[in-house]
Amino acid sequence: MKAKKYVLSEHNLPRKWYNIMADMPTGMEPPLHPGTGQPCGPEDLAPIFPMSLIEQEMSTEQWIDIPEEVLDKYAIWRPSPLYRAHDFEKALDTPAKIYFKNEGVSPAGSHKPNTAIAQAYYNKIAGTKRITTETGAGQWGSALSMCCSFFGIECKVFMVKISYNQKPYRRLMMETWGANCTASPSNETRAGRSILEKDPNSPGSLGMAISEAVEEAVADDDTKYALGSVLNHVMIHQSVIGLEAVKQMKMTGDYPDVIIGSAGGGSNFAGLVMPFALDKINGKDIDIIAVEPASCPTLTRGPFAYDFGDTVQMTPLLPMHTLGHNFVPAPIHAGGLRYHGMAPIVSQMVLDGIIRAESVQQIETFKAGLTFARSEGYISAPECNHAIAMTIREALKAKEEGKEKTILFNWSGHGLVDLAAYENYFRGNLSDNELPQEQIDTALKDIKPLPKPKQAT
């Protein structure tokens, strides 16, 4: 019998998170205060984050200890298994070896609890009573809801309206874990009301939902804000994925030639690739690919610039690839990838040539998801289908070139509560979205007055 999965014991669970900022060839540019334009200090972030997370956000330490309380919760499902996709390879008739890291085994069904547990823990020891957040497809919102329930913290989630309507079971997961979930933009905040005044039928965006969550957090001393992607401390927490994968790839006897992950804000992608990216920094030949929707092409068509993380301009200015904070993506089903910006760490890796970015259209991703489901059995979240689509491209490329490449991708979550998206695909209700350059240019006009990073593109 062929080896199918590679499983680590709990004793092999990483005890430290990896921080790639210690090893980046080019130093990261700092976030800027939205009022002064000067680099943010810890005191600027204190109204929305506990100090432990602020310290991690600004840390240049290579390794950060994982608290025992976090490890205890990780052990519910971690280490997650690595799979060899033999039947997927057979379906593609490719000489490539394909492996995937299964992050869908968490109770919430995705990679998001890797940072949600850490953020809930650090808020708990800081005395936080309530956490506000945003969510796109609902994976982050459900993960944080679960982790807040573990630590006895109240959770309020602003869910992007189009996903709120498309994915009711994500909302029900949040409510099951005790959270309060509101469709964004809403009438509950000044930010939401201002957006609805301009567009009563707004489908919402992650930038809008962030504005509402931050507004609620800064208005109450007992409330903090948590972000499920983009920020440095989130990438650091997600490094457990790649640290486990490094050990598991050694068990297989193979080393990946190509590493692939879907990218919206960048967390599942960075979590897998960062430990391998260190090998590339040190001279290893690896093709590392971030995959994004063609309808929200932040890395492939957006400039590297300073921009707000939210629509109403409440967050610090982040150095990142962006489509502009007022950009509203098409209402595709991969709601977790509908973000105008990108993690500064991921953006810097693009600038440094450590990784590259590609975009794919919606129909191609669902075709890929079906090929994977009908060979490996797993039904993927629409976000994850982007990584699968790129894996198929690379596997067929290996076939054309006659090369036996090893491909590793992150299976970031299951799609069992996204079946309405598959139904729409089967009924012919989905379409590709050709994004006009004029729409990007219009949105980018809003960032022209903002400070420019030294590496601006």
Protein backbone atom coordinates (compact mmCIF):
# COMPACT_ATOMS: atom_id res chain seq x y z
CA MET A 1 0.00 0.00 0.00
CA LYS A 2 1.27 3.45 -0.93
CA ALA A 3 1.86 5.93 1.88
CA LYS A 4 -1.04 8.37 1.83
CA LYS A 5 -0.68 10.62 4.85
CA TYR A 6 2.18 11.76 7.04
CA VAL A 7 1.16 12.38 10.64
CA LEU A 8 3.23 13.95 13.41
CA SER A 9 2.60 13.18 17.07
CA GLU A 10 1.59 15.92 19.51
CA HIS A 11 5.17 15.82 20.81
CA ASN A 12 6.25 17.20 17.41
CA LEU A 13 3.92 20.20 17.63
CA PRO A 14 6.10 23.32 17.16
CA ARG A 15 6.93 25.04 20.44
CA LYS A 16 7.91 28.32 18.78
CA TRP A 17 6.46 30.41 15.97
CA TYR A 18 8.75 31.48 13.14
CA ASN A 19 9.12 35.19 12.31
CA ILE A 20 10.47 35.68 8.79
CA MET A 21 10.99 39.40 9.43
CA ALA A 22 14.26 38.41 11.14
CA ASP A 23 15.54 36.96 7.86
CA MET A 24 14.09 39.18 5.12
CA PRO A 25 16.74 40.42 2.66
CA THR A 26 15.16 43.89 2.72
CA GLY A 27 13.94 45.44 5.95
CA MET A 28 10.20 45.89 6.31
CA GLU A 29 8.92 49.45 6.05
CA PRO A 30 6.97 50.57 9.15
CA PRO A 31 3.24 51.20 9.41
CA LEU A 32 2.45 54.91 9.62
CA HIS A 33 0.12 56.81 11.92
CA PRO A 34 -2.88 57.92 9.82
CA GLY A 35 -2.86 61.39 11.39
CA THR A 36 0.83 62.27 11.57
CA GLY A 37 2.29 60.11 8.81
CA GLN A 38 5.04 59.07 11.22
CA PRO A 39 5.98 55.46 12.06
CA CYS A 40 3.53 53.91 14.52
CA GLY A 41 4.73 53.23 18.04
CA PRO A 42 3.24 50.73 20.51
CA GLU A 43 1.14 53.46 22.10
CA ASP A 44 -0.56 54.15 18.75
CA LEU A 45 -1.80 50.56 18.53
CA ALA A 46 -2.69 50.13 22.22
CA PRO A 47 -6.35 51.24 21.83
CA ILE A 48 -7.12 48.24 19.61
CA PHE A 49 -4.58 45.49 20.45
CA PRO A 50 -3.17 44.02 23.69
CA MET A 51 0.52 44.82 24.23
CA SER A 52 1.69 41.21 23.73
CA LEU A 53 0.38 41.24 20.15
CA ILE A 54 1.80 44.71 19.52
CA GLU A 55 5.22 43.43 20.59
CA GLN A 56 4.91 40.52 18.14
CA GLU A 57 3.75 42.88 15.39
CA MET A 58 6.99 44.86 15.72
CA SER A 59 9.32 42.00 16.64
CA THR A 60 12.46 41.12 14.71
CA GLU A 61 13.13 38.04 16.85
CA GLN A 62 13.40 34.93 14.69
CA TRP A 63 11.55 32.66 17.12
CA ILE A 64 8.66 33.46 19.48
CA ASP A 65 7.61 31.04 22.22
CA ILE A 66 4.12 29.56 21.95
CA PRO A 67 2.41 29.74 25.38
CA GLU A 68 1.42 26.42 26.96
CA GLU A 69 -2.24 27.49 27.06
CA VAL A 70 -2.15 27.99 23.28
CA LEU A 71 -0.37 24.66 22.73
CA ASP A 72 -3.08 22.91 24.77
CA LYS A 73 -5.75 24.23 22.40
CA TYR A 74 -3.64 23.58 19.27
CA ALA A 75 -3.45 19.93 20.33
CA ILE A 76 -7.20 19.56 19.71
CA TRP A 77 -6.33 19.12 16.02
CA ARG A 78 -2.65 19.87 15.51
CA PRO A 79 -0.33 18.72 14.10
CA SER A 80 -2.48 18.60 10.97
CA PRO A 81 -1.78 15.81 8.45
CA LEU A 82 0.14 16.07 5.18
CA TYR A 83 -1.31 14.04 2.31
CA ARG A 84 0.14 12.62 -0.89
CA ALA A 85 -2.54 13.18 -3.55
CA HIS A 86 -1.99 9.95 -5.55
CA ASP A 87 -5.45 9.89 -7.10
CA PHE A 88 -5.32 13.59 -7.98
CA GLU A 89 -2.01 12.93 -9.75
CA LYS A 90 -3.63 10.03 -11.62
CA ALA A 91 -6.61 12.17 -12.65
CA LEU A 92 -4.21 14.75 -14.09
CA ASP A 93 -1.96 12.13 -15.68
CA THR A 94 1.03 14.05 -14.43
CA PRO A 95 4.54 12.89 -13.47
CA ALA A 96 4.45 15.47 -10.65
CA LYS A 97 4.21 14.38 -7.04
CA ILE A 98 1.50 16.41 -5.30
CA TYR A 99 1.25 16.91 -1.54
CA PHE A 100 -1.24 18.98 0.41
CA LYS A 101 -1.31 20.18 4.01
CA ASN A 102 -4.81 19.60 5.39
CA GLU A 103 -5.84 22.60 7.50
CA GLY A 104 -9.51 21.68 7.21
CA VAL A 105 -9.23 19.31 10.20
CA SER A 106 -9.62 22.12 12.76
CA PRO A 107 -13.03 22.31 14.53
CA ALA A 108 -13.81 25.47 12.55
CA GLY A 109 -12.78 23.78 9.30
CA SER A 110 -9.90 26.03 8.26
CA HIS A 111 -6.45 27.39 9.15
CA LYS A 112 -7.91 30.42 10.92
CA PRO A 113 -7.87 29.04 14.50
CA ASN A 114 -4.05 28.99 14.38
CA THR A 115 -4.07 32.73 15.08
CA ALA A 116 -7.55 33.01 16.63
CA ILE A 117 -6.48 30.91 19.61
CA ALA A 118 -3.34 32.99 20.10
CA GLN A 119 -5.19 36.31 19.83
CA ALA A 120 -7.98 35.19 22.19
CA TYR A 121 -5.38 34.00 24.72
CA TYR A 122 -3.35 37.22 24.70
CA ASN A 123 -6.53 39.27 25.02
CA LYS A 124 -7.68 37.13 27.93
CA ILE A 125 -4.50 37.65 29.95
CA ALA A 126 -4.68 41.38 29.16
CA GLY A 127 -8.15 41.59 30.72
CA THR A 128 -10.12 42.12 27.51
CA LYS A 129 -13.83 41.46 27.98
CA ARG A 130 -15.00 41.76 24.37
CA ILE A 131 -13.41 41.41 20.91
CA THR A 132 -14.73 42.86 17.67
CA THR A 133 -13.67 41.66 14.25
CA GLU A 134 -14.59 41.40 10.59
CA THR A 135 -15.02 38.35 8.42
CA GLY A 136 -15.41 37.74 4.71
CA ALA A 137 -16.54 34.20 3.93
CA GLY A 138 -16.96 33.55 7.64
CA GLN A 139 -13.95 31.29 8.23
CA TRP A 140 -12.19 33.87 10.40
CA GLY A 141 -15.36 34.95 12.19
CA SER A 142 -16.28 31.37 13.08
CA ALA A 143 -12.72 30.58 14.20
CA LEU A 144 -12.52 33.62 16.49
CA SER A 145 -16.01 32.90 17.84
CA MET A 146 -14.87 29.42 18.82
CA CYS A 147 -11.65 30.62 20.42
CA CYS A 148 -13.36 33.43 22.34
CA SER A 149 -15.72 30.81 23.75
CA PHE A 150 -12.67 28.83 24.94
CA PHE A 151 -11.42 31.82 26.94
CA GLY A 152 -14.73 33.35 28.06
CA ILE A 153 -14.57 36.50 25.91
CA GLU A 154 -17.58 38.10 24.20
CA CYS A 155 -17.23 38.22 20.41
CA LYS A 156 -18.87 40.59 17.89
CA VAL A 157 -18.40 39.87 14.17
CA PHE A 158 -19.15 42.18 11.23
CA MET A 159 -19.59 39.87 8.25
CA VAL A 160 -19.34 41.20 4.68
CA LYS A 161 -22.96 41.45 3.53
CA ILE A 162 -22.65 39.46 0.30
CA SER A 163 -21.10 36.55 2.23
CA TYR A 164 -23.61 36.96 5.08
CA ASN A 165 -26.34 36.30 2.52
CA GLN A 166 -24.44 33.61 0.57
CA LYS A 167 -23.22 31.62 3.58
CA PRO A 168 -25.86 31.46 6.36
CA TYR A 169 -24.28 28.39 7.95
CA ARG A 170 -21.08 30.30 8.71
CA ARG A 171 -23.20 32.77 10.66
CA LEU A 172 -24.87 29.90 12.47
CA MET A 173 -21.47 28.47 13.40
CA MET A 174 -20.57 31.82 14.96
CA GLU A 175 -23.83 31.94 16.89
CA THR A 176 -23.33 28.33 18.03
CA TRP A 177 -20.03 29.40 19.60
CA GLY A 178 -21.77 32.36 21.27
CA ALA A 179 -20.84 35.26 18.98
CA ASN A 180 -23.05 38.06 17.67
CA CYS A 181 -22.85 38.37 13.87
CA THR A 182 -24.01 41.44 11.91
CA ALA A 183 -24.07 41.99 8.14
CA SER A 184 -21.70 44.78 7.06
CA PRO A 185 -22.15 47.57 6.16
CA SER A 186 -24.68 48.03 8.96
CA ASN A 187 -26.59 50.79 10.69
CA GLU A 188 -24.86 49.97 13.98
CA THR A 189 -21.81 52.18 13.39
CA ARG A 190 -21.03 55.61 11.95
CA ALA A 191 -18.79 53.94 9.38
CA GLY A 192 -21.56 51.59 8.25
CA ARG A 193 -24.17 54.34 8.05
CA SER A 194 -21.86 56.58 6.00
CA ILE A 195 -21.27 53.77 3.50
CA LEU A 196 -24.98 52.96 3.22
CA GLU A 197 -25.82 56.62 2.65
CA LYS A 198 -23.63 56.53 -0.46
CA ASP A 199 -24.73 53.07 -1.60
CA PRO A 200 -27.77 51.53 0.12
CA ASN A 201 -27.22 48.31 -1.86
CA SER A 202 -23.53 47.94 -1.08
CA PRO A 203 -22.44 44.26 -1.07
CA GLY A 204 -19.85 45.15 1.53
CA SER A 205 -16.14 44.45 1.58
CA LEU A 206 -13.55 43.42 4.13
CA GLY A 207 -12.32 47.01 4.25
CA MET A 208 -15.82 48.20 5.23
CA ALA A 209 -16.24 45.48 7.87
CA ILE A 210 -12.85 46.35 9.37
CA SER A 211 -13.94 49.98 9.70
CA GLU A 212 -17.02 48.96 11.67
CA ALA A 213 -15.13 46.56 13.93
CA VAL A 214 -12.37 49.07 14.70
CA GLU A 215 -14.90 51.82 15.44
CA GLU A 216 -16.61 49.65 18.06
CA ALA A 217 -13.30 48.62 19.59
CA VAL A 218 -11.91 52.12 20.11
CA ALA A 219 -15.15 53.30 21.70
CA ASP A 220 -14.93 50.91 24.66
CA ASP A 221 -11.97 50.41 27.03
CA ASP A 222 -12.96 46.78 27.67
CA THR A 223 -13.06 45.94 23.94
CA LYS A 224 -10.19 45.14 21.59
CA TYR A 225 -10.05 44.40 17.89
CA ALA A 226 -8.72 41.23 16.23
CA LEU A 227 -7.73 40.83 12.58
CA GLY A 228 -7.66 37.44 10.88
CA SER A 229 -5.06 38.18 8.22
CA VAL A 230 -2.70 40.86 6.85
CA LEU A 231 -0.85 41.86 10.05
CA ASN A 232 2.59 40.56 10.99
CA HIS A 233 1.54 38.81 14.20
CA VAL A 234 -1.11 36.87 12.27
CA MET A 235 1.50 35.60 9.79
CA ILE A 236 3.76 34.60 12.69
CA HIS A 237 1.02 32.52 14.35
CA GLN A 238 0.23 30.78 11.06
CA SER A 239 3.84 29.63 10.71
CA VAL A 240 2.88 26.44 12.59
CA ILE A 241 1.56 25.18 9.23
CA GLY A 242 4.89 25.43 7.45
CA LEU A 243 6.97 24.33 10.44
CA GLU A 244 4.99 21.09 10.59
CA ALA A 245 5.13 20.71 6.80
CA VAL A 246 8.94 20.94 6.82
CA LYS A 247 9.09 17.96 9.20
CA GLN A 248 6.47 16.04 7.23
CA MET A 249 8.17 16.58 3.86
CA LYS A 250 11.32 15.07 5.40
CA MET A 251 9.20 12.01 6.26
CA THR A 252 8.24 11.68 2.57
CA GLY A 253 11.82 11.85 1.32
CA ASP A 254 10.83 14.62 -1.10
CA TYR A 255 11.40 18.37 -1.08
CA PRO A 256 8.96 20.71 -2.85
CA ASP A 257 10.01 22.29 -6.14
CA VAL A 258 6.79 24.32 -6.20
CA ILE A 259 4.79 25.62 -3.21
CA ILE A 260 1.32 27.10 -3.70
CA GLY A 261 -1.26 28.85 -1.55
CA SER A 262 -4.32 31.01 -2.13
CA ALA A 263 -3.87 34.64 -1.06
CA GLY A 264 -6.47 37.19 0.00
CA GLY A 265 -4.88 38.87 2.99
CA GLY A 266 -2.03 36.37 2.95
CA SER A 267 -2.27 34.34 6.16
CA ASN A 268 -2.74 30.75 4.96
CA PHE A 269 -0.24 31.32 2.16
CA ALA A 270 2.40 32.85 4.43
CA GLY A 271 1.80 30.23 7.10
CA LEU A 272 2.79 27.43 4.75
CA VAL A 273 5.57 29.10 2.79
CA MET A 274 7.56 31.16 5.31
CA PRO A 275 9.76 28.35 6.68
CA PHE A 276 10.46 27.19 3.10
CA ALA A 277 11.05 30.81 2.02
CA LEU A 278 13.95 30.89 4.49
CA ASP A 279 15.48 28.01 2.51
CA LYS A 280 15.02 30.02 -0.68
CA ILE A 281 16.63 33.08 0.93
CA ASN A 282 19.57 30.81 1.73
CA GLY A 283 19.89 29.64 -1.87
CA LYS A 284 17.38 26.81 -2.38
CA ASP A 285 15.66 26.77 -5.80
CA ILE A 286 11.90 26.85 -5.09
CA ASP A 287 9.03 28.35 -7.07
CA ILE A 288 6.64 29.84 -4.49
CA ILE A 289 3.30 31.01 -5.89
CA ALA A 290 0.59 33.14 -4.28
CA VAL A 291 -2.75 32.70 -6.06
CA GLU A 292 -5.46 35.36 -6.02
CA PRO A 293 -8.80 35.94 -7.78
CA ALA A 294 -8.64 37.72 -11.12
CA SER A 295 -11.49 39.89 -9.83
CA CYS A 296 -9.40 41.09 -6.86
CA PRO A 297 -5.82 41.08 -8.24
CA THR A 298 -4.00 42.87 -5.43
CA LEU A 299 -0.54 41.39 -6.07
CA THR A 300 -0.75 41.00 -9.84
CA ARG A 301 -2.23 44.41 -10.72
CA GLY A 302 -1.97 46.59 -7.62
CA PRO A 303 1.01 48.86 -6.80
CA PHE A 304 3.11 48.60 -3.66
CA ALA A 305 2.10 51.68 -1.69
CA TYR A 306 1.01 52.95 1.70
CA ASP A 307 -2.72 52.50 2.14
CA PHE A 308 -5.34 52.16 4.84
CA GLY A 309 -6.39 48.67 5.85
CA ASP A 310 -10.03 49.75 5.97
CA THR A 311 -12.48 51.79 3.92
CA VAL A 312 -13.16 54.61 6.40
CA GLN A 313 -9.44 55.23 7.01
CA MET A 314 -9.23 54.37 10.71
CA THR A 315 -6.30 51.94 10.60
CA PRO A 316 -2.58 52.73 10.31
CA LEU A 317 -1.16 53.11 6.82
CA LEU A 318 0.34 49.78 5.79
CA PRO A 319 3.12 49.23 3.22
CA MET A 320 1.47 46.71 0.91
CA HIS A 321 0.23 45.92 -2.55
CA THR A 322 -3.19 47.50 -2.82
CA LEU A 323 -6.09 48.22 -5.14
CA GLY A 324 -7.09 51.21 -3.01
CA HIS A 325 -9.07 51.23 0.23
CA ASN A 326 -12.29 52.19 -1.59
CA PHE A 327 -12.03 49.30 -4.06
CA VAL A 328 -15.09 47.05 -3.86
CA PRO A 329 -14.42 43.61 -5.41
CA ALA A 330 -16.98 41.71 -7.43
CA PRO A 331 -19.24 39.50 -5.24
CA ILE A 332 -17.44 36.22 -6.00
CA HIS A 333 -17.98 33.21 -3.74
CA ALA A 334 -14.38 33.21 -2.49
CA GLY A 335 -15.32 35.88 0.05
CA GLY A 336 -12.15 35.37 2.07
CA LEU A 337 -10.08 36.62 -0.88
CA ARG A 338 -12.08 39.83 -1.46
CA TYR A 339 -9.63 42.23 0.20
CA HIS A 340 -8.13 45.33 -1.38
CA GLY A 341 -4.71 44.93 0.27
CA MET A 342 -2.16 42.27 1.09
CA ALA A 343 -0.06 41.35 4.10
CA PRO A 344 3.05 43.58 4.22
CA ILE A 345 5.17 40.43 4.74
CA VAL A 346 3.76 38.84 1.58
CA SER A 347 4.14 42.09 -0.35
CA GLN A 348 7.77 42.39 0.73
CA MET A 349 8.47 38.81 -0.34
CA VAL A 350 7.14 39.70 -3.81
CA LEU A 351 9.38 42.78 -3.97
CA ASP A 352 12.38 40.71 -2.88
CA GLY A 353 11.71 38.07 -5.54
CA ILE A 354 11.16 35.32 -2.98
CA ILE A 355 7.66 34.57 -4.25
CA ARG A 356 5.58 35.35 -7.32
CA ALA A 357 1.87 35.94 -7.79
CA GLU A 358 -0.69 34.61 -10.26
CA SER A 359 -4.42 35.19 -10.64
CA VAL A 360 -7.19 32.81 -11.73
CA GLN A 361 -10.80 33.25 -12.75
CA GLN A 362 -13.74 31.92 -10.73
CA ILE A 363 -14.91 29.24 -13.19
CA GLU A 364 -11.45 27.70 -13.43
CA THR A 365 -11.29 27.43 -9.64
CA PHE A 366 -14.59 25.57 -9.35
CA LYS A 367 -13.60 23.17 -12.15
CA ALA A 368 -10.39 22.53 -10.22
CA GLY A 369 -12.28 21.96 -6.98
CA LEU A 370 -14.47 19.33 -8.65
CA THR A 371 -11.44 17.52 -10.10
CA PHE A 372 -9.91 17.42 -6.63
CA ALA A 373 -13.14 16.32 -4.92
CA ARG A 374 -13.78 13.56 -7.45
CA SER A 375 -10.28 12.15 -7.04
CA GLU A 376 -9.27 12.85 -3.42
CA GLY A 377 -12.76 13.10 -1.92
CA TYR A 378 -12.36 16.42 -0.15
CA ILE A 379 -14.76 19.27 -0.97
CA SER A 380 -12.75 22.48 -0.81
CA ALA A 381 -13.69 25.98 0.26
CA PRO A 382 -13.92 28.33 -2.75
CA GLU A 383 -10.81 30.17 -1.51
CA CYS A 384 -8.83 26.93 -1.44
CA ASN A 385 -9.92 26.10 -4.98
CA HIS A 386 -7.62 28.89 -6.18
CA ALA A 387 -4.59 26.97 -4.88
CA ILE A 388 -5.91 23.77 -6.45
CA ALA A 389 -6.37 25.50 -9.83
CA MET A 390 -2.74 26.67 -9.78
CA THR A 391 -1.59 23.21 -8.69
CA ILE A 392 -3.32 21.77 -11.76
CA ARG A 393 -1.59 24.33 -13.98
CA GLU A 394 1.80 23.43 -12.53
CA ALA A 395 1.12 19.68 -12.68
CA LEU A 396 0.16 19.90 -16.38
CA LYS A 397 3.21 22.08 -17.01
CA ALA A 398 5.37 19.34 -15.50
CA LYS A 399 3.69 16.85 -17.85
CA GLU A 400 4.40 19.05 -20.88
CA GLU A 401 8.03 19.47 -19.81
CA GLY A 402 8.41 15.79 -18.91
CA LYS A 403 9.66 16.70 -15.43
CA GLU A 404 8.93 14.91 -12.16
CA LYS A 405 8.36 17.94 -9.96
CA THR A 406 7.22 17.86 -6.35
CA ILE A 407 4.33 20.25 -5.66
CA LEU A 408 3.10 21.23 -2.19
CA PHE A 409 -0.05 23.26 -1.63
CA ASN A 410 -2.05 24.39 1.38
CA TRP A 411 -5.55 22.93 1.58
CA SER A 412 -6.70 25.77 3.79
CA GLY A 413 -10.24 24.63 4.55
CA HIS A 414 -13.22 22.48 3.62
CA GLY A 415 -16.26 23.72 1.72
CA LEU A 416 -19.01 21.82 3.50
CA VAL A 417 -20.77 25.03 4.47
CA ASP A 418 -20.09 26.57 1.04
CA LEU A 419 -22.21 24.13 -0.92
CA ALA A 420 -24.51 26.92 -2.12
CA ALA A 421 -21.54 28.15 -4.15
CA TYR A 422 -21.19 24.73 -5.77
CA GLU A 423 -24.93 24.65 -6.47
CA ASN A 424 -24.65 28.01 -8.24
CA TYR A 425 -21.78 26.60 -10.28
CA PHE A 426 -23.78 23.49 -11.24
CA ARG A 427 -26.78 25.66 -12.20
CA GLY A 428 -24.64 27.88 -14.41
CA ASN A 429 -25.17 30.92 -12.20
CA LEU A 430 -21.48 31.78 -11.75
CA SER A 431 -19.38 33.78 -14.14
CA ASP A 432 -15.87 35.11 -14.53
CA ASN A 433 -15.28 38.75 -13.73
CA GLU A 434 -13.10 40.74 -16.09
CA LEU A 435 -11.90 43.66 -13.99
CA PRO A 436 -11.49 46.82 -16.09
CA GLN A 437 -8.29 48.76 -15.53
CA GLU A 438 -10.42 51.91 -15.23
CA GLN A 439 -12.01 50.53 -12.05
CA ILE A 440 -8.59 49.97 -10.50
CA ASP A 441 -7.35 53.39 -11.62
CA THR A 442 -10.39 55.08 -10.08
CA ALA A 443 -9.88 53.37 -6.73
CA LEU A 444 -6.15 54.14 -6.71
CA LYS A 445 -6.78 57.88 -7.06
CA ASP A 446 -7.66 57.90 -3.35
CA ILE A 447 -4.16 56.83 -2.30
CA LYS A 448 -2.26 59.43 -4.33
CA PRO A 449 -2.13 61.99 -1.48
CA LEU A 450 -0.78 59.40 0.97
CA PRO A 451 2.91 59.00 1.90
CA LYS A 452 4.94 56.77 -0.41
CA PRO A 453 7.10 53.85 0.74
CA LYS A 454 10.74 53.84 -0.33
CA GLN A 455 10.06 50.83 -2.57
CA ALA A 456 6.86 52.24 -4.10
CA THR A 457 5.93 50.68 -7.45
